[in-house]
Amino acid sequence: MRHLRALARIQDATGGFTELIPMPWLPSESPVPVPGARVATLRESRALHAVARLMLAGRIDHVQAAWTKLGMRGAQRVLAGGADDLGGVLLDGALDPDAGPEQGRELTVTDVTRLAAELGRPVRQRTTTYEQVG
């Protein structure tokens, strides 16, 4: 909660954020071990996305589901409960071969369309500033 309040204050002062991407930490993707750290459960991730959506409404308009961290089903769950953007279709591994843990992952337009249909949501392509494309 303190972190979300801090983000709200920063956004009020700067207007610099277009979205929030709450990414769970995954020890398997950490370059160094972090003793005592634990992985957030899907329930905790869903709660964070939902609370962020409520607390940041009117300030940070978009909450993105980090499918590379949550998995497709986890991303679908947070989209159903607060997130409004799947994002990350660019991650195909070809853009930067040194992308680390995300190297080689791919989210196709077909994947996005299927997931959106299952949620009863529209699909739209956007710019990085959330403008409509073409």
C-alpha atoms as a PDB file:
ATOM      1  CA  MET A   1       0.000   0.000   0.000  1.00  0.00           C
ATOM      2  CA  ARG A   2       2.831   2.388   0.821  1.00  0.00           C
ATOM      3  CA  HIS A   3       4.416   1.722  -2.535  1.00  0.00           C
ATOM      4  CA  LEU A   4       1.151   2.379  -4.409  1.00  0.00           C
ATOM      5  CA  ARG A   5       0.633   5.604  -2.437  1.00  0.00           C
ATOM      6  CA  ALA A   6       4.185   6.659  -3.325  1.00  0.00           C
ATOM      7  CA  LEU A   7       3.499   5.944  -7.011  1.00  0.00           C
ATOM      8  CA  ALA A   8       0.319   8.028  -6.809  1.00  0.00           C
ATOM      9  CA  ARG A   9       2.265  10.960  -5.297  1.00  0.00           C
ATOM     10  CA  ILE A  10       4.968  10.704  -7.958  1.00  0.00           C
ATOM     11  CA  GLN A  11       2.339  10.557 -10.702  1.00  0.00           C
ATOM     12  CA  ASP A  12       0.542  13.592  -9.239  1.00  0.00           C
ATOM     13  CA  ALA A  13       3.822  15.516  -9.319  1.00  0.00           C
ATOM     14  CA  THR A  14       5.102  14.366 -12.693  1.00  0.00           C
ATOM     15  CA  GLY A  15       2.360  12.761 -14.784  1.00  0.00           C
ATOM     16  CA  GLY A  16       5.110  10.518 -16.119  1.00  0.00           C
ATOM     17  CA  PHE A  17       3.628   7.029 -15.876  1.00  0.00           C
ATOM     18  CA  THR A  18       1.463   5.547 -18.614  1.00  0.00           C
ATOM     19  CA  GLU A  19       0.990   2.198 -16.883  1.00  0.00           C
ATOM     20  CA  LEU A  20       1.878   0.104 -13.871  1.00  0.00           C
ATOM     21  CA  ILE A  21       3.241  -3.386 -14.458  1.00  0.00           C
ATOM     22  CA  PRO A  22       3.165  -5.309 -11.172  1.00  0.00           C
ATOM     23  CA  MET A  23       5.655  -8.105 -11.842  1.00  0.00           C
ATOM     24  CA  PRO A  24       6.037 -10.925  -9.366  1.00  0.00           C
ATOM     25  CA  TRP A  25       9.611 -11.781  -8.520  1.00  0.00           C
ATOM     26  CA  LEU A  26      10.669 -15.213  -9.739  1.00  0.00           C
ATOM     27  CA  PRO A  27      13.715 -16.707  -8.038  1.00  0.00           C
ATOM     28  CA  SER A  28      14.417 -18.900 -11.067  1.00  0.00           C
ATOM     29  CA  GLU A  29      14.973 -15.737 -13.109  1.00  0.00           C
ATOM     30  CA  SER A  30      17.075 -13.885 -10.536  1.00  0.00           C
ATOM     31  CA  PRO A  31      20.746 -13.425 -11.398  1.00  0.00           C
ATOM     32  CA  VAL A  32      21.601 -13.789  -7.679  1.00  0.00           C
ATOM     33  CA  PRO A  33      20.028 -15.803  -4.885  1.00  0.00           C
ATOM     34  CA  VAL A  34      17.915 -13.836  -2.424  1.00  0.00           C
ATOM     35  CA  PRO A  35      17.808 -15.725   0.875  1.00  0.00           C
ATOM     36  CA  GLY A  36      14.402 -15.747   2.551  1.00  0.00           C
ATOM     37  CA  ALA A  37      12.567 -14.264  -0.425  1.00  0.00           C
ATOM     38  CA  ARG A  38       9.349 -15.922  -1.462  1.00  0.00           C
ATOM     39  CA  VAL A  39       7.268 -15.941  -4.605  1.00  0.00           C
ATOM     40  CA  ALA A  40       3.900 -14.172  -4.546  1.00  0.00           C
ATOM     41  CA  THR A  41       0.955 -16.479  -5.010  1.00  0.00           C
ATOM     42  CA  LEU A  42      -1.445 -15.940  -7.889  1.00  0.00           C
ATOM     43  CA  ARG A  43      -4.017 -14.797  -5.328  1.00  0.00           C
ATOM     44  CA  GLU A  44      -1.586 -12.152  -4.040  1.00  0.00           C
ATOM     45  CA  SER A  45      -0.787 -11.054  -7.596  1.00  0.00           C
ATOM     46  CA  ARG A  46      -4.487 -10.771  -8.402  1.00  0.00           C
ATOM     47  CA  ALA A  47      -5.053  -8.739  -5.229  1.00  0.00           C
ATOM     48  CA  LEU A  48      -2.195  -6.368  -6.082  1.00  0.00           C
ATOM     49  CA  HIS A  49      -3.524  -5.776  -9.598  1.00  0.00           C
ATOM     50  CA  ALA A  50      -7.049  -5.134  -8.300  1.00  0.00           C
ATOM     51  CA  VAL A  51      -5.967  -2.814  -5.488  1.00  0.00           C
ATOM     52  CA  ALA A  52      -3.587  -0.933  -7.801  1.00  0.00           C
ATOM     53  CA  ARG A  53      -6.427  -0.421 -10.273  1.00  0.00           C
ATOM     54  CA  LEU A  54      -8.603   1.071  -7.528  1.00  0.00           C
ATOM     55  CA  MET A  55      -5.919   3.160  -5.823  1.00  0.00           C
ATOM     56  CA  LEU A  56      -4.431   4.574  -9.005  1.00  0.00           C
ATOM     57  CA  ALA A  57      -7.693   5.222 -10.894  1.00  0.00           C
ATOM     58  CA  GLY A  58      -7.548   8.608 -12.561  1.00  0.00           C
ATOM     59  CA  ARG A  59      -3.796   8.800 -12.047  1.00  0.00           C
ATOM     60  CA  ILE A  60      -2.210   5.817 -13.758  1.00  0.00           C
ATOM     61  CA  ASP A  61      -4.817   4.662 -16.209  1.00  0.00           C
ATOM     62  CA  HIS A  62      -3.441   1.258 -17.154  1.00  0.00           C
ATOM     63  CA  VAL A  63      -2.421  -1.816 -15.172  1.00  0.00           C
ATOM     64  CA  GLN A  64      -0.598  -4.374 -17.259  1.00  0.00           C
ATOM     65  CA  ALA A  65      -0.519  -8.142 -16.785  1.00  0.00           C
ATOM     66  CA  ALA A  66       3.077  -9.363 -17.070  1.00  0.00           C
ATOM     67  CA  TRP A  67       2.395 -12.615 -18.908  1.00  0.00           C
ATOM     68  CA  THR A  68       6.087 -13.513 -18.916  1.00  0.00           C
ATOM     69  CA  LYS A  69       6.027 -13.632 -15.107  1.00  0.00           C
ATOM     70  CA  LEU A  70       2.459 -14.783 -14.462  1.00  0.00           C
ATOM     71  CA  GLY A  71       2.082 -17.276 -17.300  1.00  0.00           C
ATOM     72  CA  MET A  72      -0.845 -17.078 -19.699  1.00  0.00           C
ATOM     73  CA  ARG A  73      -3.462 -18.411 -17.251  1.00  0.00           C
ATOM     74  CA  GLY A  74      -2.183 -16.161 -14.471  1.00  0.00           C
ATOM     75  CA  ALA A  75      -2.267 -13.179 -16.829  1.00  0.00           C
ATOM     76  CA  GLN A  76      -5.815 -14.080 -17.777  1.00  0.00           C
ATOM     77  CA  ARG A  77      -6.801 -14.149 -14.094  1.00  0.00           C
ATOM     78  CA  VAL A  78      -5.360 -10.692 -13.377  1.00  0.00           C
ATOM     79  CA  LEU A  79      -6.968  -9.337 -16.564  1.00  0.00           C
ATOM     80  CA  ALA A  80     -10.291 -10.579 -15.217  1.00  0.00           C
ATOM     81  CA  GLY A  81      -9.692  -8.771 -11.923  1.00  0.00           C
ATOM     82  CA  GLY A  82      -8.127  -5.373 -12.549  1.00  0.00           C
ATOM     83  CA  ALA A  83      -5.517  -5.337 -15.296  1.00  0.00           C
ATOM     84  CA  ASP A  84      -6.527  -3.862 -18.646  1.00  0.00           C
ATOM     85  CA  ASP A  85      -3.457  -4.524 -20.777  1.00  0.00           C
ATOM     86  CA  LEU A  86      -1.664  -7.704 -21.718  1.00  0.00           C
ATOM     87  CA  GLY A  87       1.195  -6.013 -23.512  1.00  0.00           C
ATOM     88  CA  GLY A  88       4.469  -7.655 -24.357  1.00  0.00           C
ATOM     89  CA  VAL A  89       3.629  -9.045 -27.798  1.00  0.00           C
ATOM     90  CA  LEU A  90       7.084  -7.809 -28.823  1.00  0.00           C
ATOM     91  CA  LEU A  91       8.845 -10.434 -26.725  1.00  0.00           C
ATOM     92  CA  ASP A  92       9.829 -12.959 -29.339  1.00  0.00           C
ATOM     93  CA  GLY A  93      13.489 -13.270 -28.447  1.00  0.00           C
ATOM     94  CA  ALA A  94      14.537 -11.931 -31.857  1.00  0.00           C
ATOM     95  CA  LEU A  95      14.634  -8.316 -30.715  1.00  0.00           C
ATOM     96  CA  ASP A  96      17.458  -8.883 -28.259  1.00  0.00           C
ATOM     97  CA  PRO A  97      19.174 -12.251 -28.047  1.00  0.00           C
ATOM     98  CA  ASP A  98      20.507 -11.202 -24.632  1.00  0.00           C
ATOM     99  CA  ALA A  99      17.035 -10.699 -23.167  1.00  0.00           C
ATOM    100  CA  GLY A 100      17.874 -13.004 -20.288  1.00  0.00           C
ATOM    101  CA  PRO A 101      15.046 -15.090 -18.847  1.00  0.00           C
ATOM    102  CA  GLU A 102      12.541 -13.688 -21.342  1.00  0.00           C
ATOM    103  CA  GLN A 103      14.635 -14.670 -24.354  1.00  0.00           C
ATOM    104  CA  GLY A 104      12.728 -16.768 -26.841  1.00  0.00           C
ATOM    105  CA  ARG A 105       9.292 -16.242 -25.309  1.00  0.00           C
ATOM    106  CA  GLU A 106       6.574 -15.352 -27.731  1.00  0.00           C
ATOM    107  CA  LEU A 107       3.031 -14.088 -27.509  1.00  0.00           C
ATOM    108  CA  THR A 108       1.354 -14.134 -30.892  1.00  0.00           C
ATOM    109  CA  VAL A 109      -1.634 -12.166 -32.112  1.00  0.00           C
ATOM    110  CA  THR A 110      -3.488 -15.486 -32.220  1.00  0.00           C
ATOM    111  CA  ASP A 111      -2.668 -16.070 -28.525  1.00  0.00           C
ATOM    112  CA  VAL A 112      -3.872 -12.581 -27.602  1.00  0.00           C
ATOM    113  CA  THR A 113      -7.060 -12.919 -29.654  1.00  0.00           C
ATOM    114  CA  ARG A 114      -7.916 -16.274 -28.052  1.00  0.00           C
ATOM    115  CA  LEU A 115      -7.246 -15.006 -24.537  1.00  0.00           C
ATOM    116  CA  ALA A 116      -9.307 -11.855 -25.119  1.00  0.00           C
ATOM    117  CA  ALA A 117     -12.200 -13.887 -26.541  1.00  0.00           C
ATOM    118  CA  GLU A 118     -12.162 -16.118 -23.465  1.00  0.00           C
ATOM    119  CA  LEU A 119     -12.427 -12.973 -21.309  1.00  0.00           C
ATOM    120  CA  GLY A 120     -15.036 -11.341 -23.530  1.00  0.00           C
ATOM    121  CA  ARG A 121     -12.671  -8.442 -24.174  1.00  0.00           C
ATOM    122  CA  PRO A 122     -11.767  -6.636 -27.387  1.00  0.00           C
ATOM    123  CA  VAL A 123      -8.270  -6.724 -28.858  1.00  0.00           C
ATOM    124  CA  ARG A 124      -6.650  -3.511 -29.940  1.00  0.00           C
ATOM    125  CA  GLN A 125      -3.178  -2.595 -31.005  1.00  0.00           C
ATOM    126  CA  ARG A 126      -1.738   0.431 -29.224  1.00  0.00           C
ATOM    127  CA  THR A 127       1.340   2.579 -29.137  1.00  0.00           C
ATOM    128  CA  THR A 128       3.588   2.802 -26.076  1.00  0.00           C
ATOM    129  CA  THR A 129       1.579   5.868 -25.040  1.00  0.00           C
ATOM    130  CA  TYR A 130      -1.724   3.994 -25.375  1.00  0.00           C
ATOM    131  CA  GLU A 131      -2.837   5.687 -28.565  1.00  0.00           C
ATOM    132  CA  GLN A 132      -4.787   3.666 -31.111  1.00  0.00           C
ATOM    133  CA  VAL A 133      -2.703   2.327 -34.009  1.00  0.00           C
ATOM    134  CA  GLY A 134      -3.970   3.058 -37.517  1.00  0.00           C
END
